PDB file of N, CA and C in Angstrom:
ATOM      1  N   MET A   1      16.443  58.509 -12.826  1.00  0.00           N
ATOM      2  CA  MET A   1      16.252  59.777 -12.147  1.00  0.00           C
ATOM      3  C   MET A   1      16.770  60.883 -13.064  1.00  0.00           C
ATOM      4  N   ILE A   2      16.009  61.954 -13.167  1.00  0.00           N
ATOM      5  CA  ILE A   2      16.393  63.088 -14.001  1.00  0.00           C
ATOM      6  C   ILE A   2      16.827  64.236 -13.111  1.00  0.00           C
ATOM      7  N   PHE A   3      18.001  64.804 -13.394  1.00  0.00           N
ATOM      8  CA  PHE A   3      18.501  65.949 -12.655  1.00  0.00           C
ATOM      9  C   PHE A   3      18.452  67.172 -13.548  1.00  0.00           C
ATOM     10  N   LEU A   4      17.967  68.265 -13.015  1.00  0.00           N
ATOM     11  CA  LEU A   4      17.878  69.517 -13.759  1.00  0.00           C
ATOM     12  C   LEU A   4      18.826  70.529 -13.156  1.00  0.00           C
ATOM     13  N   ASN A   5      19.492  71.281 -13.983  1.00  0.00           N
ATOM     14  CA  ASN A   5      20.365  72.351 -13.512  1.00  0.00           C
ATOM     15  C   ASN A   5      19.646  73.679 -13.681  1.00  0.00           C
ATOM     16  N   TYR A   6      19.614  74.468 -12.634  1.00  0.00           N
ATOM     17  CA  TYR A   6      18.973  75.778 -12.663  1.00  0.00           C
ATOM     18  C   TYR A   6      20.013  76.850 -12.387  1.00  0.00           C
ATOM     19  N   ASP A   7      19.893  77.967 -13.064  1.00  0.00           N
ATOM     20  CA  ASP A   7      20.784  79.098 -12.832  1.00  0.00           C
ATOM     21  C   ASP A   7      20.181  80.092 -11.851  1.00  0.00           C
ATOM     22  N   PHE A   8      19.047  79.741 -11.258  1.00  0.00           N
ATOM     23  CA  PHE A   8      18.367  80.635 -10.329  1.00  0.00           C
ATOM     24  C   PHE A   8      17.841  79.820  -9.151  1.00  0.00           C
ATOM     25  N   LEU A   9      17.624  80.484  -8.045  1.00  0.00           N
ATOM     26  CA  LEU A   9      17.154  79.841  -6.817  1.00  0.00           C
ATOM     27  C   LEU A   9      15.707  79.385  -6.983  1.00  0.00           C
ATOM     28  N   GLN A  10      15.429  78.160  -6.608  1.00  0.00           N
ATOM     29  CA  GLN A  10      14.082  77.610  -6.701  1.00  0.00           C
ATOM     30  C   GLN A  10      13.355  77.773  -5.369  1.00  0.00           C
ATOM     31  N   PRO A  11      12.074  78.101  -5.401  1.00  0.00           N
ATOM     32  CA  PRO A  11      11.320  78.235  -4.151  1.00  0.00           C
ATOM     33  C   PRO A  11      10.993  76.862  -3.550  1.00  0.00           C
ATOM     34  N   ALA A  12      10.740  76.863  -2.271  1.00  0.00           N
ATOM     35  CA  ALA A  12      10.313  75.638  -1.594  1.00  0.00           C
ATOM     36  C   ALA A  12       8.886  75.311  -2.033  1.00  0.00           C
ATOM     37  N   ARG A  13       8.549  74.024  -2.004  1.00  0.00           N
ATOM     38  CA  ARG A  13       7.200  73.591  -2.365  1.00  0.00           C
ATOM     39  C   ARG A  13       6.588  72.838  -1.186  1.00  0.00           C
ATOM     40  N   LEU A  14       5.337  73.134  -0.892  1.00  0.00           N
ATOM     41  CA  LEU A  14       4.598  72.434   0.148  1.00  0.00           C
ATOM     42  C   LEU A  14       3.677  71.430  -0.544  1.00  0.00           C
ATOM     43  N   VAL A  15       3.794  70.149  -0.183  1.00  0.00           N
ATOM     44  CA  VAL A  15       3.035  69.087  -0.834  1.00  0.00           C
ATOM     45  C   VAL A  15       2.215  68.359   0.212  1.00  0.00           C
ATOM     46  N   ALA A  16       0.911  68.227  -0.050  1.00  0.00           N
ATOM     47  CA  ALA A  16       0.027  67.461   0.828  1.00  0.00           C
ATOM     48  C   ALA A  16      -0.299  66.145   0.131  1.00  0.00           C
ATOM     49  N   ASP A  17       0.005  65.040   0.787  1.00  0.00           N
ATOM     50  CA  ASP A  17      -0.288  63.711   0.257  1.00  0.00           C
ATOM     51  C   ASP A  17      -1.616  63.274   0.859  1.00  0.00           C
ATOM     52  N   GLU A  18      -2.556  62.919  -0.003  1.00  0.00           N
ATOM     53  CA  GLU A  18      -3.895  62.560   0.457  1.00  0.00           C
ATOM     54  C   GLU A  18      -4.306  61.217  -0.127  1.00  0.00           C
ATOM     55  N   GLU A  19      -5.228  60.548   0.565  1.00  0.00           N
ATOM     56  CA  GLU A  19      -5.798  59.306   0.057  1.00  0.00           C
ATOM     57  C   GLU A  19      -7.315  59.403   0.103  1.00  0.00           C
ATOM     58  N   GLU A  20      -7.959  58.721  -0.820  1.00  0.00           N
ATOM     59  CA  GLU A  20      -9.423  58.746  -0.886  1.00  0.00           C
ATOM     60  C   GLU A  20     -10.005  57.931   0.268  1.00  0.00           C
ATOM     61  N   ILE A  21     -11.069  58.454   0.854  1.00  0.00           N
ATOM     62  CA  ILE A  21     -11.800  57.730   1.898  1.00  0.00           C
ATOM     63  C   ILE A  21     -12.862  56.905   1.188  1.00  0.00           C
ATOM     64  N   LEU A  22     -12.697  55.599   1.217  1.00  0.00           N
ATOM     65  CA  LEU A  22     -13.612  54.704   0.504  1.00  0.00           C
ATOM     66  C   LEU A  22     -14.855  54.408   1.339  1.00  0.00           C
ATOM     67  N   GLY A  23     -15.939  54.065   0.667  1.00  0.00           N
ATOM     68  CA  GLY A  23     -17.156  53.647   1.352  1.00  0.00           C
ATOM     69  C   GLY A  23     -18.132  54.773   1.634  1.00  0.00           C
ATOM     70  N   LEU A  24     -17.832  55.992   1.200  1.00  0.00           N
ATOM     71  CA  LEU A  24     -18.752  57.108   1.411  1.00  0.00           C
ATOM     72  C   LEU A  24     -19.593  57.321   0.158  1.00  0.00           C
ATOM     73  N   SER A  25     -20.709  58.013   0.301  1.00  0.00           N
ATOM     74  CA  SER A  25     -21.560  58.292  -0.851  1.00  0.00           C
ATOM     75  C   SER A  25     -21.108  59.535  -1.614  1.00  0.00           C
ATOM     76  N   PHE A  26     -20.028  60.144  -1.170  1.00  0.00           N
ATOM     77  CA  PHE A  26     -19.467  61.320  -1.838  1.00  0.00           C
ATOM     78  C   PHE A  26     -17.944  61.194  -1.843  1.00  0.00           C
ATOM     79  N   LEU A  27     -17.307  61.963  -2.698  1.00  0.00           N
ATOM     80  CA  LEU A  27     -15.853  61.921  -2.824  1.00  0.00           C
ATOM     81  C   LEU A  27     -15.223  62.717  -1.680  1.00  0.00           C
ATOM     82  N   ALA A  28     -14.342  62.077  -0.922  1.00  0.00           N
ATOM     83  CA  ALA A  28     -13.670  62.739   0.196  1.00  0.00           C
ATOM     84  C   ALA A  28     -12.253  62.197   0.307  1.00  0.00           C
ATOM     85  N   PHE A  29     -11.359  63.054   0.811  1.00  0.00           N
ATOM     86  CA  PHE A  29      -9.962  62.683   0.949  1.00  0.00           C
ATOM     87  C   PHE A  29      -9.484  62.953   2.364  1.00  0.00           C
ATOM     88  N   ARG A  30      -8.472  62.193   2.777  1.00  0.00           N
ATOM     89  CA  ARG A  30      -7.855  62.346   4.090  1.00  0.00           C
ATOM     90  C   ARG A  30      -6.375  62.651   3.862  1.00  0.00           C
ATOM     91  N   ARG A  31      -5.890  63.682   4.523  1.00  0.00           N
ATOM     92  CA  ARG A  31      -4.467  64.010   4.406  1.00  0.00           C
ATOM     93  C   ARG A  31      -3.675  63.010   5.223  1.00  0.00           C
ATOM     94  N   ILE A  32      -2.674  62.412   4.587  1.00  0.00           N
ATOM     95  CA  ILE A  32      -1.855  61.434   5.289  1.00  0.00           C
ATOM     96  C   ILE A  32      -0.445  61.944   5.555  1.00  0.00           C
ATOM     97  N   ALA A  33      -0.031  63.004   4.837  1.00  0.00           N
ATOM     98  CA  ALA A  33       1.294  63.576   5.080  1.00  0.00           C
ATOM     99  C   ALA A  33       1.359  64.970   4.466  1.00  0.00           C
ATOM    100  N   THR A  34       2.105  65.854   5.106  1.00  0.00           N
ATOM    101  CA  THR A  34       2.411  67.167   4.569  1.00  0.00           C
ATOM    102  C   THR A  34       3.923  67.302   4.569  1.00  0.00           C
ATOM    103  N   MET A  35       4.487  67.600   3.385  1.00  0.00           N
ATOM    104  CA  MET A  35       5.942  67.638   3.252  1.00  0.00           C
ATOM    105  C   MET A  35       6.388  68.955   2.629  1.00  0.00           C
ATOM    106  N   LEU A  36       7.508  69.446   3.095  1.00  0.00           N
ATOM    107  CA  LEU A  36       8.117  70.654   2.562  1.00  0.00           C
ATOM    108  C   LEU A  36       9.360  70.234   1.784  1.00  0.00           C
ATOM    109  N   HIS A  37       9.339  70.490   0.477  1.00  0.00           N
ATOM    110  CA  HIS A  37      10.475  70.182  -0.399  1.00  0.00           C
ATOM    111  C   HIS A  37      11.313  71.451  -0.539  1.00  0.00           C
ATOM    112  N   VAL A  38      12.550  71.396  -0.061  1.00  0.00           N
ATOM    113  CA  VAL A  38      13.450  72.548  -0.071  1.00  0.00           C
ATOM    114  C   VAL A  38      14.629  72.215  -0.982  1.00  0.00           C
ATOM    115  N   PRO A  39      14.880  73.025  -2.017  1.00  0.00           N
ATOM    116  CA  PRO A  39      16.018  72.726  -2.891  1.00  0.00           C
ATOM    117  C   PRO A  39      17.342  72.929  -2.175  1.00  0.00           C
ATOM    118  N   ALA A  40      18.305  72.071  -2.474  1.00  0.00           N
ATOM    119  CA  ALA A  40      19.651  72.206  -1.919  1.00  0.00           C
ATOM    120  C   ALA A  40      20.341  73.368  -2.620  1.00  0.00           C
ATOM    121  N   ILE A  41      20.739  74.371  -1.871  1.00  0.00           N
ATOM    122  CA  ILE A  41      21.327  75.579  -2.447  1.00  0.00           C
ATOM    123  C   ILE A  41      22.748  75.322  -2.932  1.00  0.00           C
ATOM    124  N   SER A  42      23.506  74.512  -2.222  1.00  0.00           N
ATOM    125  CA  SER A  42      24.916  74.332  -2.553  1.00  0.00           C
ATOM    126  C   SER A  42      25.144  73.344  -3.694  1.00  0.00           C
ATOM    127  N   ILE A  43      24.105  72.622  -4.101  1.00  0.00           N
ATOM    128  CA  ILE A  43      24.247  71.617  -5.157  1.00  0.00           C
ATOM    129  C   ILE A  43      23.337  71.997  -6.309  1.00  0.00           C
ATOM    130  N   THR A  44      23.837  71.999  -7.520  1.00  0.00           N
ATOM    131  CA  THR A  44      23.034  72.408  -8.668  1.00  0.00           C
ATOM    132  C   THR A  44      22.486  71.230  -9.454  1.00  0.00           C
ATOM    133  N   SER A  45      22.393  70.079  -8.838  1.00  0.00           N
ATOM    134  CA  SER A  45      21.930  68.893  -9.554  1.00  0.00           C
ATOM    135  C   SER A  45      20.449  68.609  -9.354  1.00  0.00           C
ATOM    136  N   GLY A  46      19.698  69.530  -8.805  1.00  0.00           N
ATOM    137  CA  GLY A  46      18.267  69.329  -8.625  1.00  0.00           C
ATOM    138  C   GLY A  46      17.895  68.529  -7.398  1.00  0.00           C
ATOM    139  N   ILE A  47      18.819  68.358  -6.466  1.00  0.00           N
ATOM    140  CA  ILE A  47      18.554  67.577  -5.263  1.00  0.00           C
ATOM    141  C   ILE A  47      17.748  68.417  -4.270  1.00  0.00           C
ATOM    142  N   ASN A  48      16.751  67.791  -3.650  1.00  0.00           N
ATOM    143  CA  ASN A  48      15.910  68.459  -2.653  1.00  0.00           C
ATOM    144  C   ASN A  48      16.065  67.779  -1.307  1.00  0.00           C
ATOM    145  N   GLN A  49      15.829  68.556  -0.261  1.00  0.00           N
ATOM    146  CA  GLN A  49      15.650  67.998   1.066  1.00  0.00           C
ATOM    147  C   GLN A  49      14.153  67.997   1.313  1.00  0.00           C
ATOM    148  N   VAL A  50      13.659  66.960   1.966  1.00  0.00           N
ATOM    149  CA  VAL A  50      12.232  66.846   2.249  1.00  0.00           C
ATOM    150  C   VAL A  50      12.041  66.750   3.751  1.00  0.00           C
ATOM    151  N   PHE A  51      11.173  67.622   4.271  1.00  0.00           N
ATOM    152  CA  PHE A  51      10.865  67.644   5.696  1.00  0.00           C
ATOM    153  C   PHE A  51       9.385  67.366   5.872  1.00  0.00           C
ATOM    154  N   ARG A  52       9.062  66.452   6.765  1.00  0.00           N
ATOM    155  CA  ARG A  52       7.664  66.188   7.097  1.00  0.00           C
ATOM    156  C   ARG A  52       7.187  67.278   8.050  1.00  0.00           C
ATOM    157  N   ILE A  53       6.039  67.872   7.767  1.00  0.00           N
ATOM    158  CA  ILE A  53       5.525  69.020   8.512  1.00  0.00           C
ATOM    159  C   ILE A  53       4.251  68.622   9.262  1.00  0.00           C
ATOM    160  N   ASP A  54       4.147  69.055  10.509  1.00  0.00           N
ATOM    161  CA  ASP A  54       2.924  68.851  11.286  1.00  0.00           C
ATOM    162  C   ASP A  54       1.873  69.833  10.777  1.00  0.00           C
ATOM    163  N   PRO A  55       0.726  69.369  10.269  1.00  0.00           N
ATOM    164  CA  PRO A  55      -0.277  70.278   9.702  1.00  0.00           C
ATOM    165  C   PRO A  55      -0.837  71.287  10.710  1.00  0.00           C
ATOM    166  N   ILE A  56      -0.893  70.928  11.978  1.00  0.00           N
ATOM    167  CA  ILE A  56      -1.399  71.863  12.991  1.00  0.00           C
ATOM    168  C   ILE A  56      -0.388  72.987  13.211  1.00  0.00           C
ATOM    169  N   ALA A  57       0.890  72.634  13.266  1.00  0.00           N
ATOM    170  CA  ALA A  57       1.938  73.656  13.417  1.00  0.00           C
ATOM    171  C   ALA A  57       1.995  74.547  12.175  1.00  0.00           C
ATOM    172  N   LEU A  58       1.794  73.968  10.999  1.00  0.00           N
ATOM    173  CA  LEU A  58       1.776  74.750   9.763  1.00  0.00           C
ATOM    174  C   LEU A  58       0.622  75.759   9.777  1.00  0.00           C
ATOM    175  N   ALA A  59      -0.566  75.326  10.185  1.00  0.00           N
ATOM    176  CA  ALA A  59      -1.712  76.227  10.243  1.00  0.00           C
ATOM    177  C   ALA A  59      -1.458  77.370  11.235  1.00  0.00           C
ATOM    178  N   ALA A  60      -0.860  77.060  12.366  1.00  0.00           N
ATOM    179  CA  ALA A  60      -0.543  78.099  13.359  1.00  0.00           C
ATOM    180  C   ALA A  60       0.489  79.081  12.813  1.00  0.00           C
ATOM    181  N   ALA A  61       1.495  78.580  12.091  1.00  0.00           N
ATOM    182  CA  ALA A  61       2.516  79.466  11.524  1.00  0.00           C
ATOM    183  C   ALA A  61       1.936  80.353  10.442  1.00  0.00           C
ATOM    184  N   LEU A  62       1.049  79.813   9.609  1.00  0.00           N
ATOM    185  CA  LEU A  62       0.418  80.619   8.561  1.00  0.00           C
ATOM    186  C   LEU A  62      -0.497  81.693   9.158  1.00  0.00           C
ATOM    187  N   GLU A  63      -1.199  81.343  10.229  1.00  0.00           N
ATOM    188  CA  GLU A  63      -2.055  82.336  10.897  1.00  0.00           C
ATOM    189  C   GLU A  63      -1.225  83.439  11.542  1.00  0.00           C
ATOM    190  N   ALA A  64      -0.128  83.078  12.197  1.00  0.00           N
ATOM    191  CA  ALA A  64       0.745  84.069  12.804  1.00  0.00           C
ATOM    192  C   ALA A  64       1.378  84.970  11.751  1.00  0.00           C
ATOM    193  N   ASP A  65       1.732  84.398  10.600  1.00  0.00           N
ATOM    194  CA  ASP A  65       2.321  85.171   9.510  1.00  0.00           C
ATOM    195  C   ASP A  65       1.305  86.146   8.933  1.00  0.00           C
ATOM    196  N   ALA A  66       0.052  85.732   8.833  1.00  0.00           N
ATOM    197  CA  ALA A  66      -0.997  86.601   8.286  1.00  0.00           C
ATOM    198  C   ALA A  66      -1.283  87.778   9.204  1.00  0.00           C
ATOM    199  N   GLN A  67      -1.120  87.591  10.513  1.00  0.00           N
ATOM    200  CA  GLN A  67      -1.387  88.665  11.467  1.00  0.00           C
ATOM    201  C   GLN A  67      -0.227  89.645  11.566  1.00  0.00           C
ATOM    202  N   ALA A  68       0.960  89.252  11.130  1.00  0.00           N
ATOM    203  CA  ALA A  68       2.147  90.110  11.251  1.00  0.00           C
ATOM    204  C   ALA A  68       2.160  91.214  10.221  1.00  0.00           C
TER     205      ALA A  68
END
């Protein structure tokens, strides 16, 4: 495991994990997980907290944010 030290605050990253849907005549993917990687502020060793996010709740929050 590699740990990186940063002198500045890192932004959170939203990661969608997808898998290929086999057996179709075209390339298609299915989302199997959506995760929010949040850097630990109090630790400078590159450690992240990972939260699994409901994609429907995420879409609703993004829509509400866009309207604000």
